[in-house]
């Protein structure tokens, strides 16, 4: 990695589309590290489509530290000129780079910095023969891996970038609810280096706008529920469709009592369908089914696409255009896994009958 950085004059860092605090914080910290290793390198961060509302304060920190960030809503002609060194940060599948995915052949080399358990990088090989994978699935966030990289190169990160990394850790671990021993160790080290924990909490405490609440309500109104028997235990599964904020919707369905939730939306820029899943943090549940590999991967193999994630959270881009067909296939796969032991939940609505 050091050789790649010192031998390139141009570097571009690409997090997944609609970057969350973990992806953006890790990208900005990595940009700082790259510049420290090569003072003459032109390094920038290119975020496909945009960033979440919870990233606004982290974006301010990046800008304050002279880190150039470009929001890529359509491909810009000079974005990948001069065969730059490319970093894919917190990207589980090439599909998550959206409109940039077909242009990675312009990269001289690609470095992947990621922590997802399920991932798909096979498609990247046809774009670039020089790929370095810095993947550590025991990390709870990509921010942890980036902090580990700074330690390895003995680079002192500014206080506010350390606070951004802590915010990324808080975001991806749900405030340490799914942390590892490494998470706590690195969090402690970040605090010892001067980061303010309260400040990090504030970085990811942005108020949710009214239309997010509306999306959650629509998601719940549209959903269908199923009782699935897996390994002699009943598991409650929700399936819904919404135009945006799929992660928020899936988390809401789990919070009201479902064990896992799938939420689909149309990906207009890719002419495809995106499916996000969330599951309750329950060891027995997550051992009974590998949601990505058992449920989503067969759909990807049939239609094409890609995805990745963890046992309790992840998603996929499906190269199909009919949401109903894809969701029916999803239900059929669940039925096959349960050997037919799946029942749709039905209750009479108020004022009916």
Protein backbone atom coordinates (compact mmCIF):
# COMPACT_ATOMS: atom_id res chain seq x y z
CA UNK A 1 0.00 0.00 0.00
CA UNK A 2 2.83 2.41 0.83
CA UNK A 3 4.50 1.68 -2.52
CA UNK A 4 1.25 2.28 -4.41
CA UNK A 5 0.70 5.61 -2.65
CA UNK A 6 4.27 6.92 -3.06
CA UNK A 7 4.39 5.90 -6.75
CA UNK A 8 1.17 7.64 -7.78
CA UNK A 9 0.46 11.33 -8.33
CA UNK A 10 -3.31 11.00 -8.25
CA UNK A 11 -5.52 9.01 -5.84
CA UNK A 12 -9.28 8.81 -5.58
CA UNK A 13 -11.17 7.30 -2.64
CA UNK A 14 -14.64 5.86 -3.34
CA UNK A 15 -16.99 4.85 -0.49
CA UNK A 16 -20.29 3.12 -1.14
CA UNK A 17 -23.15 5.16 -2.56
CA UNK A 18 -25.07 7.35 -0.12
CA UNK A 19 -22.19 7.07 2.31
CA UNK A 20 -23.00 6.58 5.97
CA UNK A 21 -20.85 7.93 8.85
CA UNK A 22 -18.58 4.88 8.87
CA UNK A 23 -17.87 5.05 5.13
CA UNK A 24 -17.37 8.83 5.05
CA UNK A 25 -15.22 9.00 8.20
CA UNK A 26 -13.01 6.15 7.00
CA UNK A 27 -12.68 7.76 3.56
CA UNK A 28 -11.66 11.13 4.96
CA UNK A 29 -9.17 9.60 7.41
CA UNK A 30 -7.71 7.52 4.59
CA UNK A 31 -7.38 10.63 2.42
CA UNK A 32 -5.44 12.30 5.24
CA UNK A 33 -3.19 9.21 5.57
CA UNK A 34 -2.52 9.10 1.81
CA UNK A 35 -1.50 12.76 1.80
CA UNK A 36 0.78 12.28 4.80
CA UNK A 37 2.55 9.43 2.98
CA UNK A 38 2.88 11.40 -0.25
CA UNK A 39 2.75 15.18 0.11
CA UNK A 40 2.53 15.77 -3.65
CA UNK A 41 -0.30 13.35 -4.36
CA UNK A 42 -3.60 14.81 -5.51
CA UNK A 43 -6.12 12.89 -3.41
CA UNK A 44 -9.89 13.32 -3.32
CA UNK A 45 -13.00 11.50 -2.12
CA UNK A 46 -15.76 10.74 -4.65
CA UNK A 47 -19.09 9.75 -3.10
CA UNK A 48 -21.62 8.19 -5.51
CA UNK A 49 -25.07 9.79 -5.33
CA UNK A 50 -24.67 11.61 -2.01
CA UNK A 51 -24.33 11.28 1.75
CA UNK A 52 -26.84 10.67 4.50
CA UNK A 53 -28.15 13.48 6.68
CA UNK A 54 -26.27 11.97 9.61
CA UNK A 55 -23.00 12.67 7.74
CA UNK A 56 -23.32 16.45 7.45
CA UNK A 57 -21.16 17.22 10.48
CA UNK A 58 -18.52 14.69 9.41
CA UNK A 59 -18.48 16.32 5.98
CA UNK A 60 -17.67 19.64 7.66
CA UNK A 61 -14.71 18.01 9.42
CA UNK A 62 -13.42 16.63 6.12
CA UNK A 63 -13.67 20.03 4.46
CA UNK A 64 -12.00 21.74 7.42
CA UNK A 65 -9.01 19.41 6.95
CA UNK A 66 -8.73 20.34 3.25
CA UNK A 67 -10.05 16.99 2.05
CA UNK A 68 -11.67 17.44 -1.33
CA UNK A 69 -15.05 15.68 -1.55
CA UNK A 70 -17.06 15.36 -4.74
CA UNK A 71 -20.65 14.12 -4.84
CA UNK A 72 -20.99 12.11 -8.06
CA UNK A 73 -24.54 12.17 -9.37
CA UNK A 74 -23.39 11.65 -12.95
CA UNK A 75 -19.99 10.65 -14.26
CA UNK A 76 -17.64 13.61 -14.61
CA UNK A 77 -15.22 13.40 -17.51
CA UNK A 78 -12.07 14.23 -15.57
CA UNK A 79 -12.89 12.32 -12.38
CA UNK A 80 -10.81 9.25 -13.24
CA UNK A 81 -8.29 10.85 -15.58
CA UNK A 82 -4.53 10.16 -15.36
CA UNK A 83 -5.13 6.52 -14.28
CA UNK A 84 -5.40 7.23 -10.54
CA UNK A 85 -4.81 4.87 -7.65
CA UNK A 86 -8.33 3.98 -6.52
CA UNK A 87 -9.49 3.02 -3.04
CA UNK A 88 -12.86 1.32 -2.48
CA UNK A 89 -13.82 2.00 1.14
CA UNK A 90 -16.61 0.13 2.97
CA UNK A 91 -17.71 -1.26 -0.40
CA UNK A 92 -18.97 -4.86 -0.25
CA UNK A 93 -19.74 -5.10 -3.96
CA UNK A 94 -18.85 -3.15 -7.10
CA UNK A 95 -22.59 -2.51 -7.52
CA UNK A 96 -22.39 -0.13 -4.55
CA UNK A 97 -20.25 2.30 -6.57
CA UNK A 98 -23.28 2.90 -8.81
CA UNK A 99 -22.42 4.90 -11.96
CA UNK A 100 -18.69 4.54 -11.30
CA UNK A 101 -18.70 0.74 -11.54
CA UNK A 102 -18.18 0.61 -15.31
CA UNK A 103 -15.30 3.08 -15.23
CA UNK A 104 -12.93 1.46 -12.75
CA UNK A 105 -10.80 0.24 -15.64
CA UNK A 106 -9.37 3.77 -15.58
CA UNK A 107 -7.71 2.98 -12.22
CA UNK A 108 -4.03 2.03 -12.30
CA UNK A 109 -4.54 -0.10 -9.18
CA UNK A 110 -7.39 -0.69 -6.74
CA UNK A 111 -7.08 -0.98 -2.96
CA UNK A 112 -10.10 -2.39 -1.12
CA UNK A 113 -10.52 -1.42 2.54
CA UNK A 114 -13.49 -3.26 4.00
CA UNK A 115 -14.89 -5.34 6.87
CA UNK A 116 -17.99 -7.07 5.48
CA UNK A 117 -18.41 -10.79 6.08
CA UNK A 118 -20.30 -11.34 2.81
CA UNK A 119 -18.86 -9.53 -0.20
CA UNK A 120 -18.48 -9.83 -3.97
CA UNK A 121 -15.34 -8.50 -5.63
CA UNK A 122 -15.18 -10.92 -8.57
CA UNK A 123 -16.45 -8.31 -11.02
CA UNK A 124 -13.64 -5.92 -10.05
CA UNK A 125 -11.02 -8.28 -11.47
CA UNK A 126 -12.20 -7.67 -15.03
CA UNK A 127 -11.63 -3.94 -14.55
CA UNK A 128 -8.22 -4.05 -12.93
CA UNK A 129 -5.48 -6.68 -12.61
CA UNK A 130 -3.70 -4.89 -9.76
CA UNK A 131 -5.89 -5.29 -6.67
CA UNK A 132 -4.83 -5.09 -3.03
CA UNK A 133 -7.42 -6.25 -0.49
CA UNK A 134 -7.15 -4.92 3.07
CA UNK A 135 -10.10 -6.79 4.54
CA UNK A 136 -10.61 -7.60 8.20
CA UNK A 137 -13.99 -9.17 8.90
CA UNK A 138 -13.37 -9.22 12.66
CA UNK A 139 -13.57 -5.43 12.64
CA UNK A 140 -17.01 -4.03 13.45
CA UNK A 141 -16.48 -1.02 11.17
CA UNK A 142 -14.23 0.22 8.39
CA UNK A 143 -13.33 3.15 10.65
CA UNK A 144 -11.51 0.68 12.91
CA UNK A 145 -9.47 -0.65 9.98
CA UNK A 146 -8.56 2.89 8.90
CA UNK A 147 -7.44 3.74 12.42
CA UNK A 148 -5.35 0.54 12.38
CA UNK A 149 -3.73 1.74 9.12
CA UNK A 150 -2.86 5.10 10.70
CA UNK A 151 -1.25 3.27 13.61
CA UNK A 152 0.76 1.05 11.27
CA UNK A 153 2.18 4.07 9.42
CA UNK A 154 2.63 5.96 12.70
CA UNK A 155 0.52 8.86 11.44
CA UNK A 156 -1.03 11.18 14.02
CA UNK A 157 -4.57 12.00 12.99
CA UNK A 158 -6.12 15.38 13.94
CA UNK A 159 -8.49 15.39 16.90
CA UNK A 160 -11.59 16.04 14.81
CA UNK A 161 -10.79 13.23 12.35
CA UNK A 162 -10.32 10.90 15.32
CA UNK A 163 -13.76 12.02 16.54
CA UNK A 164 -15.17 11.31 13.08
CA UNK A 165 -13.71 7.78 13.20
CA UNK A 166 -15.26 7.29 16.63
CA UNK A 167 -18.58 8.46 15.18
CA UNK A 168 -18.18 5.92 12.36
CA UNK A 169 -17.60 3.18 14.93
CA UNK A 170 -20.64 4.28 16.94
CA UNK A 171 -22.78 4.23 13.80
CA UNK A 172 -21.78 0.81 12.49
CA UNK A 173 -21.84 -0.89 15.89
CA UNK A 174 -25.13 0.73 16.95
CA UNK A 175 -23.32 2.39 19.86
CA UNK A 176 -21.28 -0.73 20.68
CA UNK A 177 -24.23 -3.16 20.69
CA UNK A 178 -22.38 -5.34 18.15
CA UNK A 179 -18.79 -4.47 19.00
CA UNK A 180 -15.80 -6.79 19.34
CA UNK A 181 -12.90 -6.63 21.76
CA UNK A 182 -10.93 -4.86 19.02
CA UNK A 183 -13.65 -2.23 18.79
CA UNK A 184 -13.34 -1.35 22.47
CA UNK A 185 -9.55 -1.43 22.31
CA UNK A 186 -9.36 0.98 19.38
CA UNK A 187 -12.12 3.19 20.81
CA UNK A 188 -10.07 3.47 24.00
CA UNK A 189 -6.95 4.36 22.02
CA UNK A 190 -8.83 7.00 20.03
CA UNK A 191 -10.01 8.60 23.27
CA UNK A 192 -6.49 8.43 24.71
CA UNK A 193 -5.26 10.34 21.66
CA UNK A 194 -7.57 13.24 22.52
CA UNK A 195 -10.91 12.55 20.88
CA UNK A 196 -14.00 13.81 22.73
CA UNK A 197 -16.56 11.01 23.04
CA UNK A 198 -19.48 13.42 23.54
CA UNK A 199 -18.48 15.25 20.36
CA UNK A 200 -18.42 11.97 18.44
CA UNK A 201 -21.92 11.19 19.67
CA UNK A 202 -23.14 14.58 18.47
CA UNK A 203 -21.70 13.92 15.00
CA UNK A 204 -24.23 11.12 14.45
CA UNK A 205 -27.19 12.62 16.29
CA UNK A 206 -28.70 14.61 13.43
CA UNK A 207 -32.51 14.99 13.74
CA UNK A 208 -34.49 12.99 11.22
CA UNK A 209 -36.55 15.08 8.77
CA UNK A 210 -40.35 14.61 8.56
CA UNK A 211 -40.18 12.73 5.26
CA UNK A 212 -38.15 9.94 6.90
CA UNK A 213 -41.03 9.43 9.33
CA UNK A 214 -43.41 9.36 6.38
CA UNK A 215 -41.26 6.74 4.61
CA UNK A 216 -41.28 4.55 7.72
CA UNK A 217 -45.07 4.74 7.98
CA UNK A 218 -45.52 3.90 4.27
CA UNK A 219 -43.14 0.99 4.63
CA UNK A 220 -45.13 -0.44 7.53
CA UNK A 221 -48.47 0.09 5.79
CA UNK A 222 -47.26 -1.68 2.65
CA UNK A 223 -45.51 -4.63 4.27
CA UNK A 224 -46.52 -8.27 4.40
CA UNK A 225 -45.63 -10.49 7.33
CA UNK A 226 -44.78 -14.18 7.38
CA UNK A 227 -44.21 -16.81 10.03
CA UNK A 228 -41.38 -19.09 8.94
CA UNK A 229 -40.27 -22.23 10.76
CA UNK A 230 -36.48 -22.55 10.80
CA UNK A 231 -34.83 -25.37 12.76
CA UNK A 232 -37.94 -25.98 14.86
CA UNK A 233 -38.32 -22.33 15.83
CA UNK A 234 -40.77 -19.71 14.54
CA UNK A 235 -39.20 -16.71 12.85
CA UNK A 236 -41.25 -13.66 11.85
CA UNK A 237 -40.27 -12.08 8.53
CA UNK A 238 -41.44 -8.78 7.04
CA UNK A 239 -41.23 -7.86 3.35
CA UNK A 240 -41.98 -4.38 2.04
CA UNK A 241 -41.26 -1.91 -0.77
CA UNK A 242 -40.53 1.80 -0.58
CA UNK A 243 -39.03 4.55 -2.72
CA UNK A 244 -36.24 5.57 -0.33
CA UNK A 245 -34.83 5.09 3.18
CA UNK A 246 -34.94 1.30 2.91
CA UNK A 247 -32.55 0.87 5.85
CA UNK A 248 -34.75 3.04 8.08
CA UNK A 249 -37.80 1.04 7.02
CA UNK A 250 -36.20 -2.34 7.59
CA UNK A 251 -34.96 -1.29 11.03
CA UNK A 252 -38.45 -0.02 11.90
CA UNK A 253 -40.01 -3.37 10.97
CA UNK A 254 -37.53 -5.20 13.19
CA UNK A 255 -38.16 -2.75 16.02
CA UNK A 256 -41.90 -3.48 16.04
CA UNK A 257 -41.31 -7.21 16.53
CA UNK A 258 -40.13 -8.93 13.35
CA UNK A 259 -37.01 -11.09 13.47
CA UNK A 260 -35.88 -10.02 10.00
CA UNK A 261 -37.06 -7.61 7.34
CA UNK A 262 -36.47 -7.19 3.60
CA UNK A 263 -37.23 -3.86 1.94
CA UNK A 264 -37.01 -3.35 -1.82
CA UNK A 265 -36.74 -0.20 -3.91
CA UNK A 266 -36.13 0.66 -7.55
CA UNK A 267 -32.62 1.75 -8.52
CA UNK A 268 -33.35 4.17 -11.35
CA UNK A 269 -29.71 5.00 -12.10
CA UNK A 270 -28.87 1.30 -12.61
CA UNK A 271 -32.26 0.15 -13.91
CA UNK A 272 -32.21 -2.42 -11.14
CA UNK A 273 -33.77 -3.31 -7.78
CA UNK A 274 -32.13 -2.83 -4.42
CA UNK A 275 -33.00 -5.06 -1.45
CA UNK A 276 -31.92 -4.15 2.07
CA UNK A 277 -32.17 -6.59 4.95
CA UNK A 278 -32.00 -6.16 8.69
CA UNK A 279 -32.29 -8.80 11.42
CA UNK A 280 -32.62 -8.89 15.16
CA UNK A 281 -29.31 -9.29 16.97
CA UNK A 282 -29.99 -12.81 18.19
CA UNK A 283 -27.24 -15.43 18.07
CA UNK A 284 -29.58 -18.41 17.63
CA UNK A 285 -31.48 -16.63 14.84
CA UNK A 286 -28.35 -15.61 12.94
CA UNK A 287 -26.95 -19.13 13.22
CA UNK A 288 -30.13 -20.62 11.77
CA UNK A 289 -29.86 -18.72 8.47
CA UNK A 290 -27.22 -16.81 6.53
CA UNK A 291 -29.50 -14.15 5.08
CA UNK A 292 -27.19 -12.90 2.34
CA UNK A 293 -25.85 -16.25 1.13
CA UNK A 294 -29.01 -18.30 1.67
CA UNK A 295 -31.65 -15.82 0.48
CA UNK A 296 -30.19 -12.99 -1.63
CA UNK A 297 -27.30 -14.73 -3.36
CA UNK A 298 -29.54 -17.17 -5.32
CA UNK A 299 -31.50 -14.17 -6.65
CA UNK A 300 -28.25 -12.44 -7.65
CA UNK A 301 -27.06 -15.59 -9.41
CA UNK A 302 -30.32 -15.76 -11.38
CA UNK A 303 -30.63 -12.11 -12.44
CA UNK A 304 -27.10 -10.77 -12.00
CA UNK A 305 -25.95 -8.02 -9.66
CA UNK A 306 -24.00 -8.01 -6.43
CA UNK A 307 -24.10 -7.23 -2.75
CA UNK A 308 -22.75 -8.03 0.67
CA UNK A 309 -23.02 -7.28 4.34
CA UNK A 310 -23.08 -8.94 7.73
CA UNK A 311 -25.27 -11.54 9.38
CA UNK A 312 -27.72 -8.94 10.67
CA UNK A 313 -27.45 -6.20 8.04
CA UNK A 314 -26.69 -5.95 4.35
CA UNK A 315 -28.17 -5.69 0.91
CA UNK A 316 -27.96 -6.41 -2.79
CA UNK A 317 -28.47 -4.83 -6.19
CA UNK A 318 -30.53 -7.13 -8.45
CA UNK A 319 -30.35 -6.66 -12.22
CA UNK A 320 -34.10 -6.90 -12.69
CA UNK A 321 -36.90 -4.38 -13.22
CA UNK A 322 -40.00 -6.04 -11.74
CA UNK A 323 -40.01 -5.66 -7.96
CA UNK A 324 -42.98 -7.98 -7.51
CA UNK A 325 -41.27 -10.85 -9.33
CA UNK A 326 -38.08 -10.48 -7.28
CA UNK A 327 -39.97 -10.36 -3.97
CA UNK A 328 -42.03 -13.41 -4.93
CA UNK A 329 -38.78 -15.23 -5.65
CA UNK A 330 -37.51 -14.15 -2.24
CA UNK A 331 -40.61 -15.61 -0.56
CA UNK A 332 -40.20 -18.83 -2.57
CA UNK A 333 -36.59 -19.15 -1.40
CA UNK A 334 -37.67 -18.66 2.22
CA UNK A 335 -40.35 -21.32 1.71
CA UNK A 336 -37.78 -23.77 0.32
CA UNK A 337 -35.42 -23.12 3.25
CA UNK A 338 -38.33 -23.70 5.66
CA UNK A 339 -39.43 -26.80 3.68
CA UNK A 340 -42.81 -25.23 3.05
CA UNK A 341 -43.40 -24.17 6.62
CA UNK A 342 -44.25 -20.56 5.87
CA UNK A 343 -47.53 -18.83 6.62
CA UNK A 344 -48.58 -15.33 5.67
CA UNK A 345 -49.83 -13.34 8.63
CA UNK A 346 -53.32 -11.93 8.19
CA UNK A 347 -55.41 -9.85 10.57
CA UNK A 348 -58.66 -8.03 9.98
CA UNK A 349 -58.11 -4.27 9.79
CA UNK A 350 -60.18 -1.88 11.84
CA UNK A 351 -63.43 -0.73 10.25
CA UNK A 352 -63.40 -3.80 7.95
CA UNK A 353 -66.32 -6.19 8.16
